[in-house]
């Protein structure tokens, strides 16, 4: 399911705006790949959040 700035998983609601936007971008781009690797939807979202935090920290 593609997410956007107004419709995203509850687990992203308390993230800083920059991190949330990056997590949405990553989740949308990588969700199918992560699900195909056997990750459940919730785990794929957590991975996207973790990667977003790392990406925003680098910027």
PDB file of N, CA and C in Angstrom:
ATOM      1  N   UNK A   1       0.845  -1.182   0.000  1.00  0.00           N
ATOM      2  CA  UNK A   1       0.000   0.000   0.000  1.00  0.00           C
ATOM      3  C   UNK A   1       0.884   1.236   0.000  1.00  0.00           C
ATOM      4  N   UNK A   2       0.710   2.098  -0.965  1.00  0.00           N
ATOM      5  CA  UNK A   2       1.518   3.330  -0.950  1.00  0.00           C
ATOM      6  C   UNK A   2       1.010   4.320   0.105  1.00  0.00           C
ATOM      7  N   UNK A   3       1.946   4.881   0.831  1.00  0.00           N
ATOM      8  CA  UNK A   3       1.615   5.865   1.858  1.00  0.00           C
ATOM      9  C   UNK A   3       1.991   7.250   1.374  1.00  0.00           C
ATOM     10  N   UNK A   4       1.446   8.269   2.051  1.00  0.00           N
ATOM     11  CA  UNK A   4       1.778   9.649   1.714  1.00  0.00           C
ATOM     12  C   UNK A   4       1.805  10.480   2.996  1.00  0.00           C
ATOM     13  N   UNK A   5       1.981  11.789   2.867  1.00  0.00           N
ATOM     14  CA  UNK A   5       2.116  12.666   4.034  1.00  0.00           C
ATOM     15  C   UNK A   5       0.866  12.704   4.906  1.00  0.00           C
ATOM     16  N   UNK A   6      -0.275  12.346   4.339  1.00  0.00           N
ATOM     17  CA  UNK A   6      -1.530  12.382   5.084  1.00  0.00           C
ATOM     18  C   UNK A   6      -2.030  11.005   5.494  1.00  0.00           C
ATOM     19  N   UNK A   7      -1.502   9.973   4.892  1.00  0.00           N
ATOM     20  CA  UNK A   7      -1.940   8.608   5.157  1.00  0.00           C
ATOM     21  C   UNK A   7      -0.714   7.719   5.300  1.00  0.00           C
ATOM     22  N   UNK A   8      -0.374   7.396   6.534  1.00  0.00           N
ATOM     23  CA  UNK A   8       0.815   6.593   6.816  1.00  0.00           C
ATOM     24  C   UNK A   8       0.540   5.731   8.045  1.00  0.00           C
ATOM     25  N   UNK A   9       1.374   4.717   8.302  1.00  0.00           N
ATOM     26  CA  UNK A   9       1.155   3.828   9.440  1.00  0.00           C
ATOM     27  C   UNK A   9       1.206   4.584  10.779  1.00  0.00           C
ATOM     28  N   UNK A  10       0.426   4.118  11.731  1.00  0.00           N
ATOM     29  CA  UNK A  10       0.416   4.729  13.062  1.00  0.00           C
ATOM     30  C   UNK A  10       1.805   4.763  13.692  1.00  0.00           C
ATOM     31  N   UNK A  11       2.625   3.790  13.374  1.00  0.00           N
ATOM     32  CA  UNK A  11       3.963   3.735  13.963  1.00  0.00           C
ATOM     33  C   UNK A  11       4.843   4.891  13.520  1.00  0.00           C
ATOM     34  N   UNK A  12       4.415   5.647  12.531  1.00  0.00           N
ATOM     35  CA  UNK A  12       5.187   6.802  12.053  1.00  0.00           C
ATOM     36  C   UNK A  12       4.664   8.129  12.584  1.00  0.00           C
ATOM     37  N   UNK A  13       3.554   8.114  13.306  1.00  0.00           N
ATOM     38  CA  UNK A  13       2.912   9.380  13.671  1.00  0.00           C
ATOM     39  C   UNK A  13       3.719  10.232  14.640  1.00  0.00           C
ATOM     40  N   UNK A  14       4.565   9.640  15.463  1.00  0.00           N
ATOM     41  CA  UNK A  14       5.343  10.406  16.439  1.00  0.00           C
ATOM     42  C   UNK A  14       6.753  10.741  15.972  1.00  0.00           C
ATOM     43  N   UNK A  15       7.069  10.431  14.733  1.00  0.00           N
ATOM     44  CA  UNK A  15       8.395  10.741  14.199  1.00  0.00           C
ATOM     45  C   UNK A  15       8.479  12.223  13.840  1.00  0.00           C
ATOM     46  N   UNK A  16       9.692  12.760  13.876  1.00  0.00           N
ATOM     47  CA  UNK A  16       9.891  14.112  13.360  1.00  0.00           C
ATOM     48  C   UNK A  16       9.451  14.128  11.898  1.00  0.00           C
ATOM     49  N   UNK A  17       8.997  15.275  11.437  1.00  0.00           N
ATOM     50  CA  UNK A  17       8.466  15.402  10.082  1.00  0.00           C
ATOM     51  C   UNK A  17       9.460  14.913   9.031  1.00  0.00           C
ATOM     52  N   UNK A  18      10.726  15.319   9.152  1.00  0.00           N
ATOM     53  CA  UNK A  18      11.739  14.915   8.170  1.00  0.00           C
ATOM     54  C   UNK A  18      11.927  13.405   8.144  1.00  0.00           C
ATOM     55  N   UNK A  19      11.979  12.801   9.325  1.00  0.00           N
ATOM     56  CA  UNK A  19      12.160  11.352   9.418  1.00  0.00           C
ATOM     57  C   UNK A  19      10.931  10.642   8.868  1.00  0.00           C
ATOM     58  N   UNK A  20       9.738  11.125   9.230  1.00  0.00           N
ATOM     59  CA  UNK A  20       8.502  10.503   8.755  1.00  0.00           C
ATOM     60  C   UNK A  20       8.421  10.547   7.231  1.00  0.00           C
ATOM     61  N   UNK A  21       8.727  11.692   6.645  1.00  0.00           N
ATOM     62  CA  UNK A  21       8.662  11.808   5.184  1.00  0.00           C
ATOM     63  C   UNK A  21       9.656  10.866   4.510  1.00  0.00           C
ATOM     64  N   UNK A  22      10.855  10.758   5.085  1.00  0.00           N
ATOM     65  CA  UNK A  22      11.866   9.845   4.530  1.00  0.00           C
ATOM     66  C   UNK A  22      11.430   8.393   4.720  1.00  0.00           C
ATOM     67  N   UNK A  23      10.829   8.081   5.874  1.00  0.00           N
ATOM     68  CA  UNK A  23      10.352   6.716   6.136  1.00  0.00           C
ATOM     69  C   UNK A  23       9.251   6.335   5.154  1.00  0.00           C
ATOM     70  N   UNK A  24       8.362   7.265   4.856  1.00  0.00           N
ATOM     71  CA  UNK A  24       7.301   7.018   3.872  1.00  0.00           C
ATOM     72  C   UNK A  24       7.924   6.740   2.509  1.00  0.00           C
ATOM     73  N   UNK A  25       8.894   7.558   2.137  1.00  0.00           N
ATOM     74  CA  UNK A  25       9.584   7.377   0.852  1.00  0.00           C
ATOM     75  C   UNK A  25      10.255   6.005   0.780  1.00  0.00           C
ATOM     76  N   UNK A  26      10.973   5.646   1.830  1.00  0.00           N
ATOM     77  CA  UNK A  26      11.682   4.365   1.860  1.00  0.00           C
ATOM     78  C   UNK A  26      10.694   3.209   1.870  1.00  0.00           C
ATOM     79  N   UNK A  27       9.656   3.317   2.686  1.00  0.00           N
ATOM     80  CA  UNK A  27       8.667   2.240   2.764  1.00  0.00           C
ATOM     81  C   UNK A  27       8.000   2.021   1.411  1.00  0.00           C
ATOM     82  N   UNK A  28       7.630   3.094   0.754  1.00  0.00           N
ATOM     83  CA  UNK A  28       7.000   2.970  -0.566  1.00  0.00           C
ATOM     84  C   UNK A  28       7.950   2.356  -1.588  1.00  0.00           C
ATOM     85  N   UNK A  29       9.207   2.722  -1.529  1.00  0.00           N
ATOM     86  CA  UNK A  29      10.181   2.225  -2.502  1.00  0.00           C
ATOM     87  C   UNK A  29      10.600   0.779  -2.233  1.00  0.00           C
ATOM     88  N   UNK A  30      10.601   0.377  -0.957  1.00  0.00           N
ATOM     89  CA  UNK A  30      11.173  -0.920  -0.601  1.00  0.00           C
ATOM     90  C   UNK A  30      10.193  -1.938  -0.053  1.00  0.00           C
ATOM     91  N   UNK A  31       8.942  -1.572   0.105  1.00  0.00           N
ATOM     92  CA  UNK A  31       7.978  -2.472   0.750  1.00  0.00           C
ATOM     93  C   UNK A  31       7.892  -3.820   0.047  1.00  0.00           C
ATOM     94  N   UNK A  32       7.733  -3.824  -1.258  1.00  0.00           N
ATOM     95  CA  UNK A  32       7.600  -5.096  -1.972  1.00  0.00           C
ATOM     96  C   UNK A  32       8.846  -5.948  -1.838  1.00  0.00           C
ATOM     97  N   UNK A  33      10.006  -5.332  -1.929  1.00  0.00           N
ATOM     98  CA  UNK A  33      11.252  -6.090  -1.806  1.00  0.00           C
ATOM     99  C   UNK A  33      11.369  -6.725  -0.424  1.00  0.00           C
ATOM    100  N   UNK A  34      11.060  -5.944   0.616  1.00  0.00           N
ATOM    101  CA  UNK A  34      11.149  -6.479   1.977  1.00  0.00           C
ATOM    102  C   UNK A  34      10.116  -7.580   2.206  1.00  0.00           C
ATOM    103  N   UNK A  35       8.911  -7.391   1.695  1.00  0.00           N
ATOM    104  CA  UNK A  35       7.882  -8.423   1.843  1.00  0.00           C
ATOM    105  C   UNK A  35       8.277  -9.683   1.082  1.00  0.00           C
ATOM    106  N   UNK A  36       8.886  -9.523  -0.087  1.00  0.00           N
ATOM    107  CA  UNK A  36       9.340 -10.683  -0.857  1.00  0.00           C
ATOM    108  C   UNK A  36      10.473 -11.421  -0.159  1.00  0.00           C
ATOM    109  N   UNK A  37      11.234 -10.707   0.676  1.00  0.00           N
ATOM    110  CA  UNK A  37      12.304 -11.344   1.447  1.00  0.00           C
ATOM    111  C   UNK A  37      11.752 -12.078   2.664  1.00  0.00           C
ATOM    112  N   UNK A  38      10.450 -11.987   2.880  1.00  0.00           N
ATOM    113  CA  UNK A  38       9.831 -12.723   3.969  1.00  0.00           C
ATOM    114  C   UNK A  38       9.506 -11.900   5.201  1.00  0.00           C
ATOM    115  N   UNK A  39       9.767 -10.608   5.162  1.00  0.00           N
ATOM    116  CA  UNK A  39       9.431  -9.758   6.299  1.00  0.00           C
ATOM    117  C   UNK A  39       7.933  -9.501   6.317  1.00  0.00           C
ATOM    118  N   UNK A  40       7.360  -9.484   7.501  1.00  0.00           N
ATOM    119  CA  UNK A  40       5.958  -9.112   7.661  1.00  0.00           C
ATOM    120  C   UNK A  40       5.829  -7.610   7.440  1.00  0.00           C
ATOM    121  N   UNK A  41       4.620  -7.145   7.155  1.00  0.00           N
ATOM    122  CA  UNK A  41       4.373  -5.733   6.870  1.00  0.00           C
ATOM    123  C   UNK A  41       4.881  -4.834   8.003  1.00  0.00           C
ATOM    124  N   UNK A  42       4.589  -5.189   9.240  1.00  0.00           N
ATOM    125  CA  UNK A  42       5.022  -4.384  10.386  1.00  0.00           C
ATOM    126  C   UNK A  42       6.537  -4.290  10.488  1.00  0.00           C
ATOM    127  N   UNK A  43       7.217  -5.383  10.234  1.00  0.00           N
ATOM    128  CA  UNK A  43       8.684  -5.385  10.278  1.00  0.00           C
ATOM    129  C   UNK A  43       9.262  -4.547   9.143  1.00  0.00           C
ATOM    130  N   UNK A  44       8.635  -4.603   7.979  1.00  0.00           N
ATOM    131  CA  UNK A  44       9.094  -3.793   6.851  1.00  0.00           C
ATOM    132  C   UNK A  44       8.979  -2.308   7.176  1.00  0.00           C
ATOM    133  N   UNK A  45       7.922  -1.921   7.877  1.00  0.00           N
ATOM    134  CA  UNK A  45       7.740  -0.524   8.280  1.00  0.00           C
ATOM    135  C   UNK A  45       8.819  -0.119   9.273  1.00  0.00           C
ATOM    136  N   UNK A  46       9.106  -0.979  10.234  1.00  0.00           N
ATOM    137  CA  UNK A  46      10.159  -0.678  11.216  1.00  0.00           C
ATOM    138  C   UNK A  46      11.523  -0.534  10.546  1.00  0.00           C
ATOM    139  N   UNK A  47      11.804  -1.361   9.562  1.00  0.00           N
ATOM    140  CA  UNK A  47      13.066  -1.250   8.820  1.00  0.00           C
ATOM    141  C   UNK A  47      13.108   0.090   8.084  1.00  0.00           C
ATOM    142  N   UNK A  48      12.006   0.488   7.475  1.00  0.00           N
ATOM    143  CA  UNK A  48      11.953   1.775   6.768  1.00  0.00           C
ATOM    144  C   UNK A  48      12.196   2.933   7.741  1.00  0.00           C
ATOM    145  N   UNK A  49      11.607   2.854   8.927  1.00  0.00           N
ATOM    146  CA  UNK A  49      11.806   3.903   9.939  1.00  0.00           C
ATOM    147  C   UNK A  49      13.267   3.970  10.354  1.00  0.00           C
ATOM    148  N   UNK A  50      13.865   2.823  10.605  1.00  0.00           N
ATOM    149  CA  UNK A  50      15.270   2.773  11.012  1.00  0.00           C
ATOM    150  C   UNK A  50      16.176   3.349   9.916  1.00  0.00           C
ATOM    151  N   UNK A  51      15.943   2.985   8.691  1.00  0.00           N
ATOM    152  CA  UNK A  51      16.744   3.508   7.572  1.00  0.00           C
ATOM    153  C   UNK A  51      16.532   5.004   7.400  1.00  0.00           C
ATOM    154  N   UNK A  52      15.308   5.474   7.623  1.00  0.00           N
ATOM    155  CA  UNK A  52      15.019   6.903   7.516  1.00  0.00           C
ATOM    156  C   UNK A  52      15.767   7.695   8.584  1.00  0.00           C
ATOM    157  N   UNK A  53      15.799   7.168   9.795  1.00  0.00           N
ATOM    158  CA  UNK A  53      16.531   7.850  10.881  1.00  0.00           C
ATOM    159  C   UNK A  53      18.004   7.968  10.532  1.00  0.00           C
ATOM    160  N   UNK A  54      18.565   6.904   9.974  1.00  0.00           N
ATOM    161  CA  UNK A  54      19.976   6.945   9.586  1.00  0.00           C
ATOM    162  C   UNK A  54      20.205   7.935   8.451  1.00  0.00           C
ATOM    163  N   UNK A  55      19.307   7.961   7.476  1.00  0.00           N
ATOM    164  CA  UNK A  55      19.452   8.848   6.318  1.00  0.00           C
ATOM    165  C   UNK A  55      19.336  10.320   6.735  1.00  0.00           C
ATOM    166  N   UNK A  56      18.390  10.624   7.594  1.00  0.00           N
ATOM    167  CA  UNK A  56      18.190  12.010   8.019  1.00  0.00           C
ATOM    168  C   UNK A  56      19.361  12.476   8.875  1.00  0.00           C
ATOM    169  N   UNK A  57      19.911  11.567   9.688  1.00  0.00           N
ATOM    170  CA  UNK A  57      21.068  11.897  10.528  1.00  0.00           C
ATOM    171  C   UNK A  57      22.274  12.301   9.660  1.00  0.00           C
ATOM    172  N   UNK A  58      22.443  11.633   8.522  1.00  0.00           N
ATOM    173  CA  UNK A  58      23.580  11.894   7.639  1.00  0.00           C
ATOM    174  C   UNK A  58      23.467  13.238   6.945  1.00  0.00           C
ATOM    175  N   UNK A  59      22.235  13.689   6.703  1.00  0.00           N
ATOM    176  CA  UNK A  59      22.020  14.944   5.963  1.00  0.00           C
ATOM    177  C   UNK A  59      22.324  16.150   6.768  1.00  0.00           C
TER     178      UNK A  59
END
